[in-house]
Amino acid sequence: MGATGWTYSVPYQPDIGAALQSLKEKVFREGNYYKPWEINKKFLEELESEPQDQLSDSEKECLRILRDIPLIDPPDPLPATIDELLKHNAESGTHSVMDIFGLSDKADFGKAAPVPEEILLACFGTAQPTREQADHYPESFIKFIESIERWKAFYFIVYKNSQPDEIVFEGCSGD
C-alpha cells in the first residue's frame, strides 16, 4: 500500500506527550485509521466484479492472494484498544498518529520530535508561526514535511497573540 502522510492539530497544552496520547485516543475512538480488512475487501470486490477473462495475469494473482489472506474479514472482536489495533495491523501500521509511540529530541523511529527552530525560522520567518501560517505552508515547509521518513513525526507550536495555542503533528507511517 505504501506509507501515508498525516497532519493533526490539537489545543496547546504544556505536556506534549499528554497531547500526543490524547490525540491518539481521539483518532482511535473516531476510527480514523487504516483498516486492512476494509481496504482488502473493497479491492477484492472490485476485482471480482470485473469479467474474469479480462483480468491481467497480475490482477488474477492478486485476486488469488486476496481470497486466501485472513485480512479480508474484520477481526472478531474488533480491536478494543490502540495496542490491540497495533498488534492486528502489525507492520502495516495504522497510517495515523497512533503509529507514533512517544517523543524524542530528534527524529527517530516511532517518535515525534520538535521541528527544529532553524527550519521554522527559514520557512515561516519566525519560531512562533500563527494559525494562518500553519494553514498555508510555504513551499519550503512543504518540502520539509515531504522529507519526513516513514514511522517518524514532527510537531510544532502554533501561536495566537504571541501565546501557544495549538500543537501541530506532522508525520508519515504505514506500509
N, C-alpha and C. Protein backbone atom coordinates (compact mmCIF):
# COMPACT_ATOMS: atom_id res chain seq x y z
N MET A 1 0.81 -1.19 0.00
CA MET A 1 0.00 0.00 0.00
C MET A 1 0.86 1.26 0.00
N GLY A 2 1.94 1.28 0.74
CA GLY A 2 2.77 2.47 0.85
C GLY A 2 2.42 3.27 2.09
N ALA A 3 3.31 4.18 2.42
CA ALA A 3 3.12 4.99 3.63
C ALA A 3 2.13 6.13 3.37
N THR A 4 1.61 6.67 4.46
CA THR A 4 0.65 7.76 4.40
C THR A 4 1.16 8.93 5.22
N GLY A 5 1.13 10.12 4.64
CA GLY A 5 1.44 11.32 5.40
C GLY A 5 0.18 11.80 6.10
N TRP A 6 0.33 12.37 7.27
CA TRP A 6 -0.82 12.84 8.04
C TRP A 6 -0.48 14.09 8.82
N THR A 7 -1.54 14.85 9.15
CA THR A 7 -1.43 16.10 9.92
C THR A 7 -2.57 16.17 10.91
N TYR A 8 -2.26 16.55 12.13
CA TYR A 8 -3.29 16.75 13.16
C TYR A 8 -2.95 18.02 13.93
N SER A 9 -3.98 18.72 14.36
CA SER A 9 -3.82 19.87 15.25
C SER A 9 -4.63 19.62 16.51
N VAL A 10 -4.04 19.95 17.64
CA VAL A 10 -4.74 19.81 18.92
C VAL A 10 -4.53 21.08 19.73
N PRO A 11 -5.45 21.38 20.65
CA PRO A 11 -5.23 22.54 21.52
C PRO A 11 -3.92 22.41 22.28
N TYR A 12 -3.27 23.53 22.47
CA TYR A 12 -1.99 23.51 23.18
C TYR A 12 -2.16 23.09 24.63
N GLN A 13 -1.21 22.29 25.07
CA GLN A 13 -1.01 22.04 26.49
C GLN A 13 0.50 21.88 26.68
N PRO A 14 1.02 22.27 27.83
CA PRO A 14 2.47 22.23 28.02
C PRO A 14 3.05 20.82 27.94
N ASP A 15 2.29 19.80 28.28
CA ASP A 15 2.76 18.43 28.23
C ASP A 15 2.49 17.85 26.85
N ILE A 16 3.50 17.94 25.98
CA ILE A 16 3.35 17.49 24.59
C ILE A 16 3.04 15.99 24.55
N GLY A 17 3.65 15.23 25.43
CA GLY A 17 3.38 13.78 25.49
C GLY A 17 1.93 13.49 25.80
N ALA A 18 1.34 14.24 26.73
CA ALA A 18 -0.07 14.05 27.06
C ALA A 18 -0.95 14.46 25.88
N ALA A 19 -0.56 15.51 25.18
CA ALA A 19 -1.32 15.94 24.00
C ALA A 19 -1.27 14.86 22.92
N LEU A 20 -0.10 14.28 22.74
CA LEU A 20 0.05 13.19 21.76
C LEU A 20 -0.84 12.01 22.14
N GLN A 21 -0.82 11.61 23.39
CA GLN A 21 -1.62 10.47 23.83
C GLN A 21 -3.12 10.75 23.67
N SER A 22 -3.55 11.94 24.04
CA SER A 22 -4.97 12.31 23.87
C SER A 22 -5.37 12.28 22.40
N LEU A 23 -4.51 12.76 21.56
CA LEU A 23 -4.77 12.75 20.12
C LEU A 23 -4.90 11.32 19.60
N LYS A 24 -3.99 10.45 20.03
CA LYS A 24 -4.05 9.05 19.59
C LYS A 24 -5.37 8.41 20.01
N GLU A 25 -5.79 8.67 21.23
CA GLU A 25 -7.05 8.10 21.72
C GLU A 25 -8.24 8.64 20.94
N LYS A 26 -8.21 9.92 20.58
CA LYS A 26 -9.29 10.51 19.80
C LYS A 26 -9.37 9.88 18.42
N VAL A 27 -8.23 9.72 17.76
CA VAL A 27 -8.18 9.12 16.43
C VAL A 27 -8.70 7.68 16.49
N PHE A 28 -8.33 6.95 17.54
CA PHE A 28 -8.82 5.58 17.69
C PHE A 28 -10.34 5.56 17.87
N ARG A 29 -10.84 6.37 18.78
CA ARG A 29 -12.30 6.41 19.03
C ARG A 29 -13.08 6.75 17.76
N GLU A 30 -12.55 7.68 16.97
CA GLU A 30 -13.24 8.10 15.75
C GLU A 30 -13.07 7.11 14.60
N GLY A 31 -12.16 6.14 14.77
CA GLY A 31 -11.95 5.14 13.73
C GLY A 31 -11.24 5.67 12.50
N ASN A 32 -10.46 6.74 12.67
CA ASN A 32 -9.76 7.37 11.54
C ASN A 32 -8.37 6.77 11.36
N TYR A 33 -8.33 5.53 10.91
CA TYR A 33 -7.08 4.82 10.70
C TYR A 33 -7.28 3.74 9.66
N TYR A 34 -6.17 3.20 9.20
CA TYR A 34 -6.17 2.15 8.19
C TYR A 34 -6.77 0.86 8.75
N LYS A 35 -7.76 0.38 8.03
CA LYS A 35 -8.43 -0.88 8.40
C LYS A 35 -8.21 -1.84 7.25
N PRO A 36 -7.17 -2.67 7.32
CA PRO A 36 -6.85 -3.53 6.17
C PRO A 36 -8.01 -4.42 5.76
N TRP A 37 -8.84 -4.82 6.71
CA TRP A 37 -9.96 -5.68 6.35
C TRP A 37 -10.95 -4.96 5.43
N GLU A 38 -11.07 -3.64 5.55
CA GLU A 38 -11.96 -2.89 4.66
C GLU A 38 -11.32 -2.65 3.30
N ILE A 39 -10.06 -2.27 3.30
CA ILE A 39 -9.36 -1.97 2.05
C ILE A 39 -9.26 -3.22 1.20
N ASN A 40 -8.80 -4.31 1.79
CA ASN A 40 -8.63 -5.55 1.03
C ASN A 40 -9.97 -6.08 0.52
N LYS A 41 -10.99 -6.00 1.34
CA LYS A 41 -12.31 -6.48 0.92
C LYS A 41 -12.82 -5.66 -0.26
N LYS A 42 -12.66 -4.34 -0.19
CA LYS A 42 -13.12 -3.47 -1.28
C LYS A 42 -12.37 -3.81 -2.56
N PHE A 43 -11.07 -4.00 -2.47
CA PHE A 43 -10.27 -4.33 -3.65
C PHE A 43 -10.69 -5.69 -4.20
N LEU A 44 -10.92 -6.66 -3.32
CA LEU A 44 -11.37 -7.98 -3.74
C LEU A 44 -12.71 -7.86 -4.49
N GLU A 45 -13.64 -7.12 -3.93
CA GLU A 45 -14.96 -6.95 -4.56
C GLU A 45 -14.83 -6.30 -5.93
N GLU A 46 -13.92 -5.32 -6.05
CA GLU A 46 -13.71 -4.67 -7.35
C GLU A 46 -13.17 -5.66 -8.37
N LEU A 47 -12.19 -6.47 -7.96
CA LEU A 47 -11.63 -7.46 -8.89
C LEU A 47 -12.66 -8.52 -9.26
N GLU A 48 -13.45 -8.95 -8.30
CA GLU A 48 -14.45 -9.98 -8.58
C GLU A 48 -15.58 -9.47 -9.47
N SER A 49 -15.81 -8.16 -9.47
CA SER A 49 -16.89 -7.60 -10.29
C SER A 49 -16.47 -7.45 -11.77
N GLU A 50 -15.19 -7.54 -12.03
CA GLU A 50 -14.69 -7.44 -13.40
C GLU A 50 -14.87 -8.79 -14.11
N PRO A 51 -15.11 -8.75 -15.43
CA PRO A 51 -15.14 -10.02 -16.18
C PRO A 51 -13.79 -10.73 -16.00
N GLN A 52 -13.82 -11.93 -15.50
CA GLN A 52 -12.59 -12.65 -15.15
C GLN A 52 -11.66 -12.86 -16.34
N ASP A 53 -12.23 -13.00 -17.53
CA ASP A 53 -11.39 -13.21 -18.71
C ASP A 53 -10.69 -11.93 -19.17
N GLN A 54 -11.05 -10.79 -18.57
CA GLN A 54 -10.42 -9.52 -18.93
C GLN A 54 -9.37 -9.07 -17.92
N LEU A 55 -9.19 -9.85 -16.85
CA LEU A 55 -8.18 -9.51 -15.85
C LEU A 55 -6.78 -9.84 -16.36
N SER A 56 -5.83 -8.99 -16.03
CA SER A 56 -4.44 -9.28 -16.37
C SER A 56 -3.94 -10.41 -15.48
N ASP A 57 -2.80 -10.97 -15.84
CA ASP A 57 -2.22 -12.04 -15.01
C ASP A 57 -1.92 -11.55 -13.60
N SER A 58 -1.43 -10.31 -13.47
CA SER A 58 -1.13 -9.79 -12.13
C SER A 58 -2.41 -9.57 -11.33
N GLU A 59 -3.49 -9.13 -11.99
CA GLU A 59 -4.76 -8.97 -11.29
C GLU A 59 -5.32 -10.32 -10.84
N LYS A 60 -5.16 -11.32 -11.68
CA LYS A 60 -5.61 -12.68 -11.31
C LYS A 60 -4.83 -13.19 -10.11
N GLU A 61 -3.52 -12.94 -10.10
CA GLU A 61 -2.69 -13.37 -8.97
C GLU A 61 -3.08 -12.61 -7.71
N CYS A 62 -3.33 -11.32 -7.84
CA CYS A 62 -3.77 -10.51 -6.71
C CYS A 62 -5.10 -11.03 -6.17
N LEU A 63 -6.01 -11.36 -7.05
CA LEU A 63 -7.31 -11.90 -6.66
C LEU A 63 -7.14 -13.21 -5.89
N ARG A 64 -6.25 -14.07 -6.38
CA ARG A 64 -5.99 -15.34 -5.69
C ARG A 64 -5.45 -15.09 -4.28
N ILE A 65 -4.52 -14.17 -4.17
CA ILE A 65 -3.93 -13.86 -2.86
C ILE A 65 -4.98 -13.26 -1.93
N LEU A 66 -5.75 -12.31 -2.43
CA LEU A 66 -6.76 -11.67 -1.59
C LEU A 66 -7.80 -12.67 -1.08
N ARG A 67 -8.10 -13.66 -1.88
CA ARG A 67 -9.08 -14.68 -1.44
C ARG A 67 -8.51 -15.55 -0.32
N ASP A 68 -7.18 -15.62 -0.24
CA ASP A 68 -6.54 -16.52 0.72
C ASP A 68 -6.09 -15.87 2.01
N ILE A 69 -5.98 -14.55 2.04
CA ILE A 69 -5.42 -13.92 3.24
C ILE A 69 -6.49 -13.67 4.29
N PRO A 70 -6.12 -13.71 5.56
CA PRO A 70 -7.11 -13.55 6.62
C PRO A 70 -7.58 -12.13 6.86
N LEU A 71 -6.97 -11.13 6.22
CA LEU A 71 -7.34 -9.75 6.48
C LEU A 71 -8.62 -9.32 5.77
N ILE A 72 -9.22 -10.19 5.00
CA ILE A 72 -10.45 -9.84 4.30
C ILE A 72 -11.58 -9.63 5.31
N ASP A 73 -11.68 -10.50 6.28
CA ASP A 73 -12.72 -10.38 7.29
C ASP A 73 -12.21 -9.53 8.45
N PRO A 74 -13.07 -8.71 9.01
CA PRO A 74 -12.62 -7.91 10.15
C PRO A 74 -12.30 -8.81 11.33
N PRO A 75 -11.38 -8.39 12.17
CA PRO A 75 -11.09 -9.21 13.35
C PRO A 75 -12.33 -9.30 14.23
N ASP A 76 -12.48 -10.43 14.87
CA ASP A 76 -13.64 -10.63 15.75
C ASP A 76 -13.12 -11.03 17.11
N PRO A 77 -13.26 -10.19 18.10
CA PRO A 77 -13.89 -8.87 18.06
C PRO A 77 -12.96 -7.82 17.45
N LEU A 78 -13.54 -6.69 17.09
CA LEU A 78 -12.73 -5.58 16.60
C LEU A 78 -11.78 -5.13 17.70
N PRO A 79 -10.61 -4.60 17.34
CA PRO A 79 -9.68 -4.13 18.38
C PRO A 79 -10.36 -3.14 19.32
N ALA A 80 -10.22 -3.40 20.61
CA ALA A 80 -10.85 -2.56 21.63
C ALA A 80 -9.90 -1.50 22.18
N THR A 81 -8.62 -1.63 21.86
CA THR A 81 -7.61 -0.69 22.34
C THR A 81 -6.64 -0.37 21.22
N ILE A 82 -5.89 0.69 21.39
CA ILE A 82 -4.86 1.04 20.42
C ILE A 82 -3.84 -0.08 20.33
N ASP A 83 -3.43 -0.65 21.45
CA ASP A 83 -2.45 -1.74 21.43
C ASP A 83 -2.96 -2.93 20.64
N GLU A 84 -4.23 -3.29 20.81
CA GLU A 84 -4.79 -4.41 20.04
C GLU A 84 -4.78 -4.09 18.55
N LEU A 85 -5.13 -2.85 18.21
CA LEU A 85 -5.13 -2.44 16.81
C LEU A 85 -3.72 -2.52 16.24
N LEU A 86 -2.74 -2.02 16.97
CA LEU A 86 -1.36 -2.04 16.50
C LEU A 86 -0.88 -3.47 16.31
N LYS A 87 -1.24 -4.37 17.22
CA LYS A 87 -0.87 -5.79 17.06
C LYS A 87 -1.54 -6.37 15.83
N HIS A 88 -2.81 -6.06 15.65
CA HIS A 88 -3.53 -6.60 14.49
C HIS A 88 -2.94 -6.10 13.18
N ASN A 89 -2.70 -4.81 13.08
CA ASN A 89 -2.20 -4.24 11.84
C ASN A 89 -0.72 -4.52 11.62
N ALA A 90 -0.02 -4.87 12.69
CA ALA A 90 1.40 -5.23 12.64
C ALA A 90 2.19 -4.25 11.79
N GLU A 91 3.01 -4.77 10.87
CA GLU A 91 3.90 -3.91 10.09
C GLU A 91 3.16 -3.00 9.11
N SER A 92 1.87 -3.24 8.87
CA SER A 92 1.10 -2.32 8.02
C SER A 92 0.87 -1.00 8.74
N GLY A 93 0.81 -1.03 10.05
CA GLY A 93 0.58 0.18 10.83
C GLY A 93 -0.85 0.67 10.69
N THR A 94 -1.12 1.81 11.27
CA THR A 94 -2.45 2.40 11.23
C THR A 94 -2.53 3.57 10.25
N HIS A 95 -1.38 3.97 9.68
CA HIS A 95 -1.32 5.11 8.78
C HIS A 95 -1.88 6.35 9.49
N SER A 96 -1.58 6.47 10.76
CA SER A 96 -2.08 7.58 11.57
C SER A 96 -1.08 7.88 12.70
N VAL A 97 -1.41 8.87 13.49
CA VAL A 97 -0.58 9.26 14.63
C VAL A 97 -0.45 8.11 15.65
N MET A 98 -1.34 7.13 15.59
CA MET A 98 -1.24 6.01 16.54
C MET A 98 0.03 5.20 16.33
N ASP A 99 0.70 5.36 15.19
CA ASP A 99 1.96 4.66 14.94
C ASP A 99 3.14 5.34 15.63
N ILE A 100 2.90 6.45 16.28
CA ILE A 100 3.95 7.19 16.98
C ILE A 100 3.82 6.88 18.47
N PHE A 101 4.89 6.38 19.05
CA PHE A 101 4.85 5.86 20.42
C PHE A 101 5.30 6.83 21.49
N GLY A 102 5.97 7.90 21.08
CA GLY A 102 6.46 8.82 22.10
C GLY A 102 7.16 10.00 21.47
N LEU A 103 7.92 10.70 22.29
CA LEU A 103 8.61 11.91 21.87
C LEU A 103 10.12 11.71 21.91
N SER A 104 10.82 12.52 21.14
CA SER A 104 12.27 12.48 21.11
C SER A 104 12.77 13.88 20.78
N ASP A 105 14.02 14.16 21.11
CA ASP A 105 14.60 15.45 20.76
C ASP A 105 14.89 15.55 19.27
N LYS A 106 15.16 14.39 18.63
CA LYS A 106 15.47 14.33 17.21
C LYS A 106 14.61 13.26 16.56
N ALA A 107 14.42 13.38 15.26
CA ALA A 107 13.61 12.40 14.52
C ALA A 107 14.14 10.99 14.79
N ASP A 108 13.22 10.10 15.16
CA ASP A 108 13.58 8.73 15.47
C ASP A 108 12.37 7.85 15.17
N PHE A 109 12.62 6.57 14.93
CA PHE A 109 11.57 5.63 14.60
C PHE A 109 10.48 5.62 15.68
N GLY A 110 9.23 5.81 15.25
CA GLY A 110 8.10 5.77 16.17
C GLY A 110 8.01 6.94 17.13
N LYS A 111 8.74 8.00 16.86
CA LYS A 111 8.79 9.14 17.78
C LYS A 111 8.43 10.43 17.04
N ALA A 112 7.94 11.39 17.81
CA ALA A 112 7.69 12.74 17.31
C ALA A 112 8.73 13.67 17.93
N ALA A 113 9.34 14.47 17.09
CA ALA A 113 10.37 15.41 17.54
C ALA A 113 9.91 16.83 17.20
N PRO A 114 10.39 17.82 17.93
CA PRO A 114 10.03 19.20 17.57
C PRO A 114 10.66 19.58 16.22
N VAL A 115 9.93 20.35 15.44
CA VAL A 115 10.52 20.89 14.22
C VAL A 115 11.67 21.77 14.67
N PRO A 116 12.86 21.57 14.13
CA PRO A 116 13.98 22.40 14.56
C PRO A 116 13.69 23.89 14.34
N GLU A 117 14.10 24.70 15.31
CA GLU A 117 13.84 26.14 15.25
C GLU A 117 14.37 26.75 13.97
N GLU A 118 15.53 26.28 13.51
CA GLU A 118 16.09 26.86 12.28
C GLU A 118 15.20 26.57 11.06
N ILE A 119 14.47 25.47 11.07
CA ILE A 119 13.52 25.17 9.99
C ILE A 119 12.32 26.12 10.08
N LEU A 120 11.80 26.32 11.29
CA LEU A 120 10.68 27.25 11.46
C LEU A 120 11.08 28.65 11.00
N LEU A 121 12.27 29.11 11.41
CA LEU A 121 12.74 30.44 11.03
C LEU A 121 12.92 30.55 9.52
N ALA A 122 13.51 29.53 8.91
CA ALA A 122 13.75 29.56 7.47
C ALA A 122 12.45 29.51 6.67
N CYS A 123 11.49 28.76 7.15
CA CYS A 123 10.24 28.55 6.40
C CYS A 123 9.18 29.60 6.69
N PHE A 124 9.04 29.98 7.95
CA PHE A 124 7.97 30.90 8.34
C PHE A 124 8.47 32.30 8.68
N GLY A 125 9.79 32.45 8.84
CA GLY A 125 10.33 33.74 9.24
C GLY A 125 10.19 34.01 10.71
N THR A 126 9.75 33.01 11.47
CA THR A 126 9.55 33.14 12.91
C THR A 126 9.59 31.75 13.53
N ALA A 127 9.95 31.70 14.80
CA ALA A 127 9.89 30.44 15.55
C ALA A 127 8.52 30.26 16.19
N GLN A 128 7.62 31.25 15.98
CA GLN A 128 6.28 31.20 16.55
C GLN A 128 5.22 31.39 15.45
N PRO A 129 5.07 30.39 14.57
CA PRO A 129 4.09 30.55 13.48
C PRO A 129 2.66 30.68 14.01
N THR A 130 1.86 31.42 13.26
CA THR A 130 0.45 31.61 13.61
C THR A 130 -0.41 30.55 12.92
N ARG A 131 -1.68 30.52 13.26
CA ARG A 131 -2.61 29.59 12.62
C ARG A 131 -2.67 29.85 11.12
N GLU A 132 -2.70 31.15 10.73
CA GLU A 132 -2.74 31.48 9.31
C GLU A 132 -1.52 30.90 8.58
N GLN A 133 -0.35 31.01 9.19
CA GLN A 133 0.84 30.44 8.58
C GLN A 133 0.75 28.92 8.53
N ALA A 134 0.22 28.31 9.55
CA ALA A 134 0.09 26.85 9.59
C ALA A 134 -0.96 26.36 8.59
N ASP A 135 -1.90 27.21 8.24
CA ASP A 135 -2.92 26.84 7.25
C ASP A 135 -2.40 26.95 5.82
N HIS A 136 -1.33 27.70 5.63
CA HIS A 136 -0.80 27.95 4.29
C HIS A 136 0.72 27.75 4.30
N TYR A 137 1.14 26.50 4.39
CA TYR A 137 2.57 26.22 4.44
C TYR A 137 3.29 26.80 3.22
N PRO A 138 4.41 27.46 3.45
CA PRO A 138 5.23 27.87 2.31
C PRO A 138 5.87 26.63 1.67
N GLU A 139 6.23 26.76 0.44
CA GLU A 139 6.81 25.63 -0.32
C GLU A 139 7.99 25.00 0.43
N SER A 140 8.80 25.83 1.07
CA SER A 140 9.97 25.30 1.79
C SER A 140 9.54 24.38 2.94
N PHE A 141 8.43 24.70 3.60
CA PHE A 141 7.98 23.83 4.70
C PHE A 141 7.32 22.58 4.14
N ILE A 142 6.63 22.70 3.03
CA ILE A 142 6.06 21.51 2.37
C ILE A 142 7.18 20.54 2.03
N LYS A 143 8.29 21.04 1.53
CA LYS A 143 9.43 20.16 1.21
C LYS A 143 9.95 19.48 2.47
N PHE A 144 10.01 20.22 3.57
CA PHE A 144 10.45 19.62 4.83
C PHE A 144 9.49 18.49 5.23
N ILE A 145 8.18 18.75 5.17
CA ILE A 145 7.18 17.75 5.55
C ILE A 145 7.28 16.53 4.64
N GLU A 146 7.44 16.76 3.36
CA GLU A 146 7.55 15.64 2.41
C GLU A 146 8.81 14.81 2.63
N SER A 147 9.79 15.37 3.33
CA SER A 147 11.04 14.64 3.58
C SER A 147 10.97 13.77 4.84
N ILE A 148 9.86 13.85 5.57
CA ILE A 148 9.75 13.04 6.79
C ILE A 148 9.77 11.57 6.41
N GLU A 149 10.65 10.84 7.04
CA GLU A 149 10.77 9.42 6.77
C GLU A 149 9.62 8.66 7.40
N ARG A 150 9.36 7.48 6.85
CA ARG A 150 8.32 6.61 7.40
C ARG A 150 8.53 6.34 8.87
N TRP A 151 7.42 6.30 9.59
CA TRP A 151 7.40 5.93 11.00
C TRP A 151 8.04 7.00 11.87
N LYS A 152 8.06 8.24 11.37
CA LYS A 152 8.59 9.37 12.15
C LYS A 152 7.61 10.52 12.08
N ALA A 153 7.71 11.43 13.04
CA ALA A 153 6.83 12.60 13.07
C ALA A 153 7.55 13.80 13.65
N PHE A 154 7.01 14.96 13.34
CA PHE A 154 7.48 16.22 13.91
C PHE A 154 6.27 16.97 14.45
N TYR A 155 6.53 17.89 15.36
CA TYR A 155 5.46 18.75 15.86
C TYR A 155 6.00 20.16 16.02
N PHE A 156 5.06 21.11 15.98
CA PHE A 156 5.42 22.50 16.27
C PHE A 156 4.23 23.17 16.93
N ILE A 157 4.53 24.24 17.62
CA ILE A 157 3.52 25.01 18.34
C ILE A 157 3.02 26.14 17.44
N VAL A 158 1.71 26.32 17.41
CA VAL A 158 1.09 27.43 16.70
C VAL A 158 0.72 28.48 17.75
N TYR A 159 0.98 29.75 17.43
CA TYR A 159 0.78 30.83 18.39
C TYR A 159 -0.40 31.73 17.99
N LYS A 160 -1.03 32.26 19.01
CA LYS A 160 -2.10 33.24 18.82
C LYS A 160 -1.84 34.36 19.83
N ASN A 161 -1.74 35.58 19.35
CA ASN A 161 -1.42 36.71 20.22
C ASN A 161 -0.16 36.44 21.04
N SER A 162 0.84 35.89 20.40
CA SER A 162 2.14 35.57 21.00
C SER A 162 2.08 34.52 22.10
N GLN A 163 0.97 33.80 22.21
CA GLN A 163 0.83 32.75 23.22
C GLN A 163 0.62 31.40 22.53
N PRO A 164 1.18 30.30 23.09
CA PRO A 164 0.94 28.98 22.49
C PRO A 164 -0.56 28.69 22.43
N ASP A 165 -1.02 28.23 21.27
CA ASP A 165 -2.45 27.99 21.08
C ASP A 165 -2.77 26.56 20.62
N GLU A 166 -1.92 26.00 19.78
CA GLU A 166 -2.15 24.66 19.25
C GLU A 166 -0.82 23.93 19.09
N ILE A 167 -0.94 22.63 18.94
CA ILE A 167 0.21 21.79 18.59
C ILE A 167 -0.16 21.09 17.29
N VAL A 168 0.71 21.18 16.31
CA VAL A 168 0.51 20.52 15.02
C VAL A 168 1.48 19.34 14.96
N PHE A 169 0.93 18.16 14.67
CA PHE A 169 1.74 16.96 14.47
C PHE A 169 1.72 16.61 12.98
N GLU A 170 2.89 16.43 12.40
CA GLU A 170 3.04 16.03 11.01
C GLU A 170 3.86 14.74 11.00
N GLY A 171 3.38 13.74 10.28
CA GLY A 171 4.15 12.50 10.24
C GLY A 171 3.85 11.68 9.01
N CYS A 172 4.50 10.53 8.97
CA CYS A 172 4.35 9.60 7.86
C CYS A 172 4.50 8.19 8.45
N SER A 173 3.50 7.35 8.21
CA SER A 173 3.61 5.99 8.73
C SER A 173 2.77 5.04 7.90
N GLY A 174 2.96 3.78 8.16
CA GLY A 174 2.24 2.74 7.44
C GLY A 174 3.11 2.11 6.38
N ASP A 175 2.67 0.98 5.95
CA ASP A 175 3.40 0.25 4.92
C ASP A 175 2.46 -0.45 3.98
